PDB file of N, CA and C in Angstrom:
ATOM      1  N   MET A   1     112.193  83.295  53.137  1.00  0.00           N
ATOM      2  CA  MET A   1     110.754  83.514  53.105  1.00  0.00           C
ATOM      3  C   MET A   1     110.052  82.241  53.219  1.00  0.00           C
ATOM      4  N   LYS A   2     108.865  82.287  53.957  1.00  0.00           N
ATOM      5  CA  LYS A   2     108.177  81.081  54.153  1.00  0.00           C
ATOM      6  C   LYS A   2     106.714  81.374  53.591  1.00  0.00           C
ATOM      7  N   LEU A   3     106.248  80.414  52.736  1.00  0.00           N
ATOM      8  CA  LEU A   3     104.909  80.578  52.240  1.00  0.00           C
ATOM      9  C   LEU A   3     103.899  80.372  53.277  1.00  0.00           C
ATOM     10  N   LEU A   4     102.898  81.304  53.401  1.00  0.00           N
ATOM     11  CA  LEU A   4     101.940  81.288  54.413  1.00  0.00           C
ATOM     12  C   LEU A   4     100.646  80.869  53.834  1.00  0.00           C
ATOM     13  N   SER A   5     100.228  81.435  52.693  1.00  0.00           N
ATOM     14  CA  SER A   5      98.974  81.175  52.057  1.00  0.00           C
ATOM     15  C   SER A   5      99.001  81.492  50.584  1.00  0.00           C
ATOM     16  N   ARG A   6      97.975  80.980  49.834  1.00  0.00           N
ATOM     17  CA  ARG A   6      97.769  81.303  48.546  1.00  0.00           C
ATOM     18  C   ARG A   6      96.383  81.050  48.212  1.00  0.00           C
ATOM     19  N   THR A   7      95.798  81.851  47.266  1.00  0.00           N
ATOM     20  CA  THR A   7      94.383  81.691  46.849  1.00  0.00           C
ATOM     21  C   THR A   7      94.307  82.177  45.466  1.00  0.00           C
ATOM     22  N   LEU A   8      93.390  81.439  44.776  1.00  0.00           N
ATOM     23  CA  LEU A   8      93.000  81.755  43.316  1.00  0.00           C
ATOM     24  C   LEU A   8      91.991  82.920  43.448  1.00  0.00           C
ATOM     25  N   VAL A   9      92.011  83.779  42.441  1.00  0.00           N
ATOM     26  CA  VAL A   9      91.256  84.947  42.403  1.00  0.00           C
ATOM     27  C   VAL A   9      90.546  85.141  41.058  1.00  0.00           C
ATOM     28  N   ASP A  10      89.150  85.270  41.096  1.00  0.00           N
ATOM     29  CA  ASP A  10      88.404  85.435  39.901  1.00  0.00           C
ATOM     30  C   ASP A  10      88.578  86.992  39.462  1.00  0.00           C
ATOM     31  N   LEU A  11      89.255  87.224  38.376  1.00  0.00           N
ATOM     32  CA  LEU A  11      89.468  88.561  37.859  1.00  0.00           C
ATOM     33  C   LEU A  11      88.564  88.938  36.707  1.00  0.00           C
ATOM     34  N   SER A  12      87.622  88.147  36.433  1.00  0.00           N
ATOM     35  CA  SER A  12      86.750  88.232  35.257  1.00  0.00           C
ATOM     36  C   SER A  12      85.844  89.475  35.321  1.00  0.00           C
ATOM     37  N   SER A  13      85.624  90.121  34.247  1.00  0.00           N
ATOM     38  CA  SER A  13      84.692  91.313  34.172  1.00  0.00           C
ATOM     39  C   SER A  13      84.500  91.544  32.698  1.00  0.00           C
ATOM     40  N   LYS A  14      83.579  92.485  32.415  1.00  0.00           N
ATOM     41  CA  LYS A  14      83.420  92.820  31.042  1.00  0.00           C
ATOM     42  C   LYS A  14      84.582  93.442  30.419  1.00  0.00           C
ATOM     43  N   ASN A  15      85.442  94.202  31.292  1.00  0.00           N
ATOM     44  CA  ASN A  15      86.683  94.789  30.777  1.00  0.00           C
ATOM     45  C   ASN A  15      87.785  93.886  30.562  1.00  0.00           C
ATOM     46  N   THR A  16      87.805  92.822  31.448  1.00  0.00           N
ATOM     47  CA  THR A  16      89.094  91.872  31.452  1.00  0.00           C
ATOM     48  C   THR A  16      88.718  90.627  30.651  1.00  0.00           C
ATOM     49  N   GLY A  17      87.501  90.327  30.495  1.00  0.00           N
ATOM     50  CA  GLY A  17      87.098  89.003  29.977  1.00  0.00           C
ATOM     51  C   GLY A  17      87.196  87.930  31.032  1.00  0.00           C
ATOM     52  N   ASN A  18      87.466  86.738  30.553  1.00  0.00           N
ATOM     53  CA  ASN A  18      87.581  85.504  31.500  1.00  0.00           C
ATOM     54  C   ASN A  18      88.999  85.468  31.969  1.00  0.00           C
ATOM     55  N   LEU A  19      89.284  85.952  33.187  1.00  0.00           N
ATOM     56  CA  LEU A  19      90.611  86.042  33.657  1.00  0.00           C
ATOM     57  C   LEU A  19      90.745  85.571  35.042  1.00  0.00           C
ATOM     58  N   THR A  20      91.751  84.733  35.345  1.00  0.00           N
ATOM     59  CA  THR A  20      92.037  84.297  36.709  1.00  0.00           C
ATOM     60  C   THR A  20      93.452  84.683  37.208  1.00  0.00           C
ATOM     61  N   GLY A  21      93.609  84.725  38.410  1.00  0.00           N
ATOM     62  CA  GLY A  21      94.930  85.068  38.932  1.00  0.00           C
ATOM     63  C   GLY A  21      95.065  84.379  40.292  1.00  0.00           C
ATOM     64  N   HIS A  22      96.197  84.594  40.981  1.00  0.00           N
ATOM     65  CA  HIS A  22      96.358  84.104  42.366  1.00  0.00           C
ATOM     66  C   HIS A  22      97.280  85.054  43.167  1.00  0.00           C
ATOM     67  N   ILE A  23      97.089  84.950  44.424  1.00  0.00           N
ATOM     68  CA  ILE A  23      97.924  85.686  45.388  1.00  0.00           C
ATOM     69  C   ILE A  23      98.679  84.747  46.282  1.00  0.00           C
ATOM     70  N   SER A  24     100.048  84.935  46.442  1.00  0.00           N
ATOM     71  CA  SER A  24     100.848  84.105  47.319  1.00  0.00           C
ATOM     72  C   SER A  24     101.285  85.040  48.474  1.00  0.00           C
ATOM     73  N   VAL A  25     101.198  84.600  49.776  1.00  0.00           N
ATOM     74  CA  VAL A  25     101.572  85.492  50.876  1.00  0.00           C
ATOM     75  C   VAL A  25     102.716  84.773  51.561  1.00  0.00           C
ATOM     76  N   TYR A  26     103.874  85.430  51.770  1.00  0.00           N
ATOM     77  CA  TYR A  26     104.970  84.867  52.365  1.00  0.00           C
ATOM     78  C   TYR A  26     105.294  85.769  53.625  1.00  0.00           C
ATOM     79  N   LYS A  27     105.919  85.069  54.568  1.00  0.00           N
ATOM     80  CA  LYS A  27     106.502  85.768  55.794  1.00  0.00           C
ATOM     81  C   LYS A  27     107.994  85.927  55.518  1.00  0.00           C
ATOM     82  N   MET A  28     108.416  87.145  55.609  1.00  0.00           N
ATOM     83  CA  MET A  28     109.774  87.440  55.416  1.00  0.00           C
ATOM     84  C   MET A  28     110.608  87.129  56.580  1.00  0.00           C
ATOM     85  N   ASP A  29     111.911  87.024  56.454  1.00  0.00           N
ATOM     86  CA  ASP A  29     112.836  86.847  57.595  1.00  0.00           C
ATOM     87  C   ASP A  29     112.748  87.892  58.613  1.00  0.00           C
ATOM     88  N   ASN A  30     112.420  89.104  58.238  1.00  0.00           N
ATOM     89  CA  ASN A  30     112.204  90.236  59.161  1.00  0.00           C
ATOM     90  C   ASN A  30     110.871  90.420  59.822  1.00  0.00           C
ATOM     91  N   GLY A  31     109.996  89.455  59.447  1.00  0.00           N
ATOM     92  CA  GLY A  31     108.665  89.435  60.012  1.00  0.00           C
ATOM     93  C   GLY A  31     107.562  90.013  59.222  1.00  0.00           C
ATOM     94  N   ASN A  32     108.019  90.876  58.121  1.00  0.00           N
ATOM     95  CA  ASN A  32     107.004  91.462  57.281  1.00  0.00           C
ATOM     96  C   ASN A  32     106.258  90.444  56.425  1.00  0.00           C
ATOM     97  N   LEU A  33     105.133  90.808  55.972  1.00  0.00           N
ATOM     98  CA  LEU A  33     104.449  89.949  54.986  1.00  0.00           C
ATOM     99  C   LEU A  33     104.715  90.445  53.529  1.00  0.00           C
ATOM    100  N   TYR A  34     104.799  89.556  52.604  1.00  0.00           N
ATOM    101  CA  TYR A  34     105.207  89.722  51.280  1.00  0.00           C
ATOM    102  C   TYR A  34     104.096  89.167  50.336  1.00  0.00           C
ATOM    103  N   TYR A  35     103.354  89.957  49.647  1.00  0.00           N
ATOM    104  CA  TYR A  35     102.220  89.551  48.804  1.00  0.00           C
ATOM    105  C   TYR A  35     102.799  89.536  47.383  1.00  0.00           C
ATOM    106  N   VAL A  36     102.520  88.524  46.724  1.00  0.00           N
ATOM    107  CA  VAL A  36     102.949  88.359  45.238  1.00  0.00           C
ATOM    108  C   VAL A  36     101.618  88.060  44.439  1.00  0.00           C
ATOM    109  N   TYR A  37     101.409  88.895  43.418  1.00  0.00           N
ATOM    110  CA  TYR A  37     100.166  88.806  42.582  1.00  0.00           C
ATOM    111  C   TYR A  37     100.522  88.227  41.238  1.00  0.00           C
ATOM    112  N   PHE A  38      99.693  87.325  40.728  1.00  0.00           N
ATOM    113  CA  PHE A  38      99.938  86.749  39.461  1.00  0.00           C
ATOM    114  C   PHE A  38      98.565  86.768  38.653  1.00  0.00           C
ATOM    115  N   ILE A  39      98.747  87.047  37.311  1.00  0.00           N
ATOM    116  CA  ILE A  39      97.569  86.926  36.452  1.00  0.00           C
ATOM    117  C   ILE A  39      97.965  85.848  35.456  1.00  0.00           C
ATOM    118  N   GLU A  40      97.032  84.780  35.373  1.00  0.00           N
ATOM    119  CA  GLU A  40      97.225  83.812  34.381  1.00  0.00           C
ATOM    120  C   GLU A  40      98.682  83.178  34.484  1.00  0.00           C
ATOM    121  N   ALA A  41      99.153  83.019  35.642  1.00  0.00           N
ATOM    122  CA  ALA A  41     100.386  82.459  36.028  1.00  0.00           C
ATOM    123  C   ALA A  41     101.586  83.266  35.650  1.00  0.00           C
ATOM    124  N   ARG A  42     101.520  84.539  35.477  1.00  0.00           N
ATOM    125  CA  ARG A  42     102.549  85.538  35.174  1.00  0.00           C
ATOM    126  C   ARG A  42     102.520  86.536  36.181  1.00  0.00           C
ATOM    127  N   TYR A  43     103.823  86.914  36.659  1.00  0.00           N
ATOM    128  CA  TYR A  43     103.907  87.939  37.612  1.00  0.00           C
ATOM    129  C   TYR A  43     103.204  89.250  37.320  1.00  0.00           C
ATOM    130  N   TYR A  44     102.499  89.822  38.239  1.00  0.00           N
ATOM    131  CA  TYR A  44     101.769  91.104  38.043  1.00  0.00           C
ATOM    132  C   TYR A  44     102.322  92.266  38.939  1.00  0.00           C
ATOM    133  N   ALA A  45     102.440  91.923  40.244  1.00  0.00           N
ATOM    134  CA  ALA A  45     102.753  93.006  41.225  1.00  0.00           C
ATOM    135  C   ALA A  45     103.200  92.265  42.512  1.00  0.00           C
ATOM    136  N   SER A  46     103.789  92.999  43.344  1.00  0.00           N
ATOM    137  CA  SER A  46     104.025  92.528  44.837  1.00  0.00           C
ATOM    138  C   SER A  46     104.161  93.740  45.724  1.00  0.00           C
ATOM    139  N   LYS A  47     103.870  93.495  46.996  1.00  0.00           N
ATOM    140  CA  LYS A  47     104.059  94.491  48.027  1.00  0.00           C
ATOM    141  C   LYS A  47     104.531  93.929  49.307  1.00  0.00           C
ATOM    142  N   GLU A  48     105.283  94.688  50.056  1.00  0.00           N
ATOM    143  CA  GLU A  48     105.766  94.170  51.383  1.00  0.00           C
ATOM    144  C   GLU A  48     104.963  95.029  52.421  1.00  0.00           C
ATOM    145  N   ILE A  49     104.436  94.399  53.443  1.00  0.00           N
ATOM    146  CA  ILE A  49     103.541  95.048  54.416  1.00  0.00           C
ATOM    147  C   ILE A  49     104.065  94.786  55.821  1.00  0.00           C
ATOM    148  N   ASP A  50     104.097  95.793  56.643  1.00  0.00           N
ATOM    149  CA  ASP A  50     104.380  95.593  58.074  1.00  0.00           C
ATOM    150  C   ASP A  50     103.134  94.981  58.759  1.00  0.00           C
ATOM    151  N   PRO A  51     103.260  93.640  59.352  1.00  0.00           N
ATOM    152  CA  PRO A  51     102.077  93.072  59.815  1.00  0.00           C
ATOM    153  C   PRO A  51     101.438  93.688  61.103  1.00  0.00           C
ATOM    154  N   ILE A  52     102.172  94.614  61.659  1.00  0.00           N
ATOM    155  CA  ILE A  52     101.552  95.325  62.813  1.00  0.00           C
ATOM    156  C   ILE A  52     100.778  96.531  62.482  1.00  0.00           C
ATOM    157  N   THR A  53     101.350  97.443  61.691  1.00  0.00           N
ATOM    158  CA  THR A  53     100.836  98.635  61.356  1.00  0.00           C
ATOM    159  C   THR A  53      99.985  98.541  60.059  1.00  0.00           C
ATOM    160  N   LYS A  54     100.153  97.448  59.289  1.00  0.00           N
ATOM    161  CA  LYS A  54      99.430  97.241  57.990  1.00  0.00           C
ATOM    162  C   LYS A  54      99.920  98.198  56.983  1.00  0.00           C
ATOM    163  N   LYS A  55     101.006  98.955  57.204  1.00  0.00           N
ATOM    164  CA  LYS A  55     101.467  99.935  56.220  1.00  0.00           C
ATOM    165  C   LYS A  55     102.260  99.161  55.124  1.00  0.00           C
ATOM    166  N   ILE A  56     102.109  99.638  53.916  1.00  0.00           N
ATOM    167  CA  ILE A  56     102.919  99.161  52.831  1.00  0.00           C
ATOM    168  C   ILE A  56     104.232  99.746  52.873  1.00  0.00           C
ATOM    169  N   ILE A  57     105.262  98.822  52.824  1.00  0.00           N
ATOM    170  CA  ILE A  57     106.709  99.315  52.890  1.00  0.00           C
ATOM    171  C   ILE A  57     107.291  99.482  51.552  1.00  0.00           C
ATOM    172  N   LYS A  58     106.952  98.554  50.584  1.00  0.00           N
ATOM    173  CA  LYS A  58     107.411  98.542  49.244  1.00  0.00           C
ATOM    174  C   LYS A  58     106.393  97.941  48.328  1.00  0.00           C
ATOM    175  N   GLU A  59     106.267  98.527  47.075  1.00  0.00           N
ATOM    176  CA  GLU A  59     105.408  98.057  46.121  1.00  0.00           C
ATOM    177  C   GLU A  59     106.185  97.833  44.804  1.00  0.00           C
ATOM    178  N   ARG A  60     106.001  96.873  44.050  1.00  0.00           N
ATOM    179  CA  ARG A  60     106.594  96.647  42.744  1.00  0.00           C
ATOM    180  C   ARG A  60     105.422  96.200  41.731  1.00  0.00           C
ATOM    181  N   GLY A  61     105.573  96.538  40.507  1.00  0.00           N
ATOM    182  CA  GLY A  61     104.594  96.178  39.616  1.00  0.00           C
ATOM    183  C   GLY A  61     105.190  95.904  38.227  1.00  0.00           C
ATOM    184  N   SER A  62     104.538  95.139  37.394  1.00  0.00           N
ATOM    185  CA  SER A  62     105.000  94.936  35.984  1.00  0.00           C
ATOM    186  C   SER A  62     104.233  95.963  35.098  1.00  0.00           C
ATOM    187  N   ILE A  63     104.839  96.076  33.922  1.00  0.00           N
ATOM    188  CA  ILE A  63     104.195  96.862  32.974  1.00  0.00           C
ATOM    189  C   ILE A  63     103.151  95.983  32.353  1.00  0.00           C
ATOM    190  N   SER A  64     101.905  96.405  32.340  1.00  0.00           N
ATOM    191  CA  SER A  64     100.818  95.613  31.898  1.00  0.00           C
ATOM    192  C   SER A  64      99.701  96.438  31.152  1.00  0.00           C
ATOM    193  N   ASN A  65      98.886  95.729  30.371  1.00  0.00           N
ATOM    194  CA  ASN A  65      97.788  96.397  29.686  1.00  0.00           C
ATOM    195  C   ASN A  65      96.529  96.068  30.405  1.00  0.00           C
ATOM    196  N   TYR A  66      96.522  95.543  31.575  1.00  0.00           N
ATOM    197  CA  TYR A  66      95.251  95.124  32.207  1.00  0.00           C
ATOM    198  C   TYR A  66      94.495  96.290  32.695  1.00  0.00           C
ATOM    199  N   HIS A  67      93.200  96.148  32.760  1.00  0.00           N
ATOM    200  CA  HIS A  67      92.289  97.276  33.176  1.00  0.00           C
ATOM    201  C   HIS A  67      92.515  97.547  34.778  1.00  0.00           C
ATOM    202  N   TYR A  68      92.484  98.740  35.115  1.00  0.00           N
ATOM    203  CA  TYR A  68      92.757  99.072  36.520  1.00  0.00           C
ATOM    204  C   TYR A  68      91.780  98.168  37.491  1.00  0.00           C
ATOM    205  N   SER A  69      90.617  97.826  37.084  1.00  0.00           N
ATOM    206  CA  SER A  69      89.769  97.024  37.956  1.00  0.00           C
ATOM    207  C   SER A  69      90.414  95.803  38.536  1.00  0.00           C
ATOM    208  N   VAL A  70      91.421  95.272  37.840  1.00  0.00           N
ATOM    209  CA  VAL A  70      92.202  93.973  38.224  1.00  0.00           C
ATOM    210  C   VAL A  70      92.729  94.288  39.662  1.00  0.00           C
ATOM    211  N   ASP A  71      93.316  95.460  39.951  1.00  0.00           N
ATOM    212  CA  ASP A  71      93.809  95.839  41.275  1.00  0.00           C
ATOM    213  C   ASP A  71      92.698  95.669  42.340  1.00  0.00           C
ATOM    214  N   LEU A  72      91.444  96.184  41.998  1.00  0.00           N
ATOM    215  CA  LEU A  72      90.359  96.066  42.955  1.00  0.00           C
ATOM    216  C   LEU A  72      89.974  94.685  43.193  1.00  0.00           C
ATOM    217  N   PHE A  73      89.930  93.909  42.099  1.00  0.00           N
ATOM    218  CA  PHE A  73      89.437  92.489  42.195  1.00  0.00           C
ATOM    219  C   PHE A  73      90.322  91.720  43.077  1.00  0.00           C
ATOM    220  N   PHE A  74      91.676  91.985  43.100  1.00  0.00           N
ATOM    221  CA  PHE A  74      92.630  91.156  44.044  1.00  0.00           C
ATOM    222  C   PHE A  74      92.371  91.479  45.329  1.00  0.00           C
ATOM    223  N   ASN A  75      91.800  92.677  45.772  1.00  0.00           N
ATOM    224  CA  ASN A  75      91.428  93.017  47.174  1.00  0.00           C
ATOM    225  C   ASN A  75      90.028  92.643  47.623  1.00  0.00           C
ATOM    226  N   ASP A  76      89.246  92.165  46.666  1.00  0.00           N
ATOM    227  CA  ASP A  76      87.877  91.854  46.889  1.00  0.00           C
ATOM    228  C   ASP A  76      87.762  90.454  47.473  1.00  0.00           C
ATOM    229  N   LYS A  77      87.606  90.222  48.738  1.00  0.00           N
ATOM    230  CA  LYS A  77      87.698  88.788  49.402  1.00  0.00           C
ATOM    231  C   LYS A  77      86.639  87.909  48.701  1.00  0.00           C
ATOM    232  N   ALA A  78      85.458  88.539  48.294  1.00  0.00           N
ATOM    233  CA  ALA A  78      84.382  87.703  47.568  1.00  0.00           C
ATOM    234  C   ALA A  78      84.812  87.055  46.314  1.00  0.00           C
ATOM    235  N   ARG A  79      85.909  87.529  45.723  1.00  0.00           N
ATOM    236  CA  ARG A  79      86.485  86.964  44.469  1.00  0.00           C
ATOM    237  C   ARG A  79      87.530  85.940  44.748  1.00  0.00           C
ATOM    238  N   HIS A  80      87.885  85.697  46.054  1.00  0.00           N
ATOM    239  CA  HIS A  80      88.958  84.804  46.408  1.00  0.00           C
ATOM    240  C   HIS A  80      88.331  83.360  46.405  1.00  0.00           C
ATOM    241  N   LEU A  81      88.967  82.473  45.650  1.00  0.00           N
ATOM    242  CA  LEU A  81      88.475  81.123  45.449  1.00  0.00           C
ATOM    243  C   LEU A  81      89.103  80.026  46.202  1.00  0.00           C
ATOM    244  N   GLY A  82      90.015  80.359  47.034  1.00  0.00           N
ATOM    245  CA  GLY A  82      90.709  79.262  47.793  1.00  0.00           C
ATOM    246  C   GLY A  82      91.824  78.712  46.854  1.00  0.00           C
ATOM    247  N   TRP A  83      92.341  77.493  47.340  1.00  0.00           N
ATOM    248  CA  TRP A  83      93.433  76.799  46.561  1.00  0.00           C
ATOM    249  C   TRP A  83      93.104  75.349  46.448  1.00  0.00           C
ATOM    250  N   PRO A  84      93.037  74.841  45.294  1.00  0.00           N
ATOM    251  CA  PRO A  84      92.670  73.386  45.092  1.00  0.00           C
ATOM    252  C   PRO A  84      93.676  72.447  45.774  1.00  0.00           C
ATOM    253  N   GLY A  85      93.067  71.541  46.630  1.00  0.00           N
ATOM    254  CA  GLY A  85      94.016  70.487  47.221  1.00  0.00           C
ATOM    255  C   GLY A  85      94.755  70.942  48.410  1.00  0.00           C
ATOM    256  N   LYS A  86      94.697  72.151  48.819  1.00  0.00           N
ATOM    257  CA  LYS A  86      95.413  72.653  49.980  1.00  0.00           C
ATOM    258  C   LYS A  86      94.594  73.552  50.781  1.00  0.00           C
ATOM    259  N   SER A  87      94.743  73.335  52.086  1.00  0.00           N
ATOM    260  CA  SER A  87      93.917  74.253  52.936  1.00  0.00           C
ATOM    261  C   SER A  87      94.844  75.146  53.837  1.00  0.00           C
ATOM    262  N   PHE A  88      94.701  76.417  53.671  1.00  0.00           N
ATOM    263  CA  PHE A  88      95.518  77.280  54.538  1.00  0.00           C
ATOM    264  C   PHE A  88      94.610  77.986  55.585  1.00  0.00           C
ATOM    265  N   THR A  89      95.024  78.024  56.834  1.00  0.00           N
ATOM    266  CA  THR A  89      94.146  78.772  57.777  1.00  0.00           C
ATOM    267  C   THR A  89      94.537  80.215  58.081  1.00  0.00           C
ATOM    268  N   TYR A  90      95.773  80.564  57.650  1.00  0.00           N
ATOM    269  CA  TYR A  90      96.270  81.898  57.859  1.00  0.00           C
ATOM    270  C   TYR A  90      95.634  82.812  56.813  1.00  0.00           C
ATOM    271  N   ARG A  91      94.960  83.809  57.265  1.00  0.00           N
ATOM    272  CA  ARG A  91      94.349  84.848  56.325  1.00  0.00           C
ATOM    273  C   ARG A  91      94.710  86.242  56.775  1.00  0.00           C
ATOM    274  N   PRO A  92      95.832  86.744  56.329  1.00  0.00           N
ATOM    275  CA  PRO A  92      96.155  88.157  56.692  1.00  0.00           C
ATOM    276  C   PRO A  92      95.359  89.143  56.110  1.00  0.00           C
ATOM    277  N   ASN A  93      95.367  90.293  56.830  1.00  0.00           N
ATOM    278  CA  ASN A  93      94.543  91.445  56.267  1.00  0.00           C
ATOM    279  C   ASN A  93      95.455  92.447  55.574  1.00  0.00           C
ATOM    280  N   PRO A  94      95.464  92.466  54.142  1.00  0.00           N
ATOM    281  CA  PRO A  94      96.335  93.319  53.509  1.00  0.00           C
ATOM    282  C   PRO A  94      96.005  94.873  53.695  1.00  0.00           C
TER     283      PRO A  94
END
């Protein structure tokens, strides 16, 4: 797998408190995209997506006590903060 992009994400809300996470996007050897989600530097979930059809092929998640809004926040582009010291131009559409 090759790292294509990563971004910090603001996951804060009244339900989650002050919380940050990040998303790392990889290109797999078979051409699919692999998204890995972290909350406070701990694995949260991942999904494999076909880059042409945008369909989810596989999803995995950890057992967590986080509010369901965290899933929504990861997909909200307005909460994406970029990555300090590194500029990525590739922005896939999950």
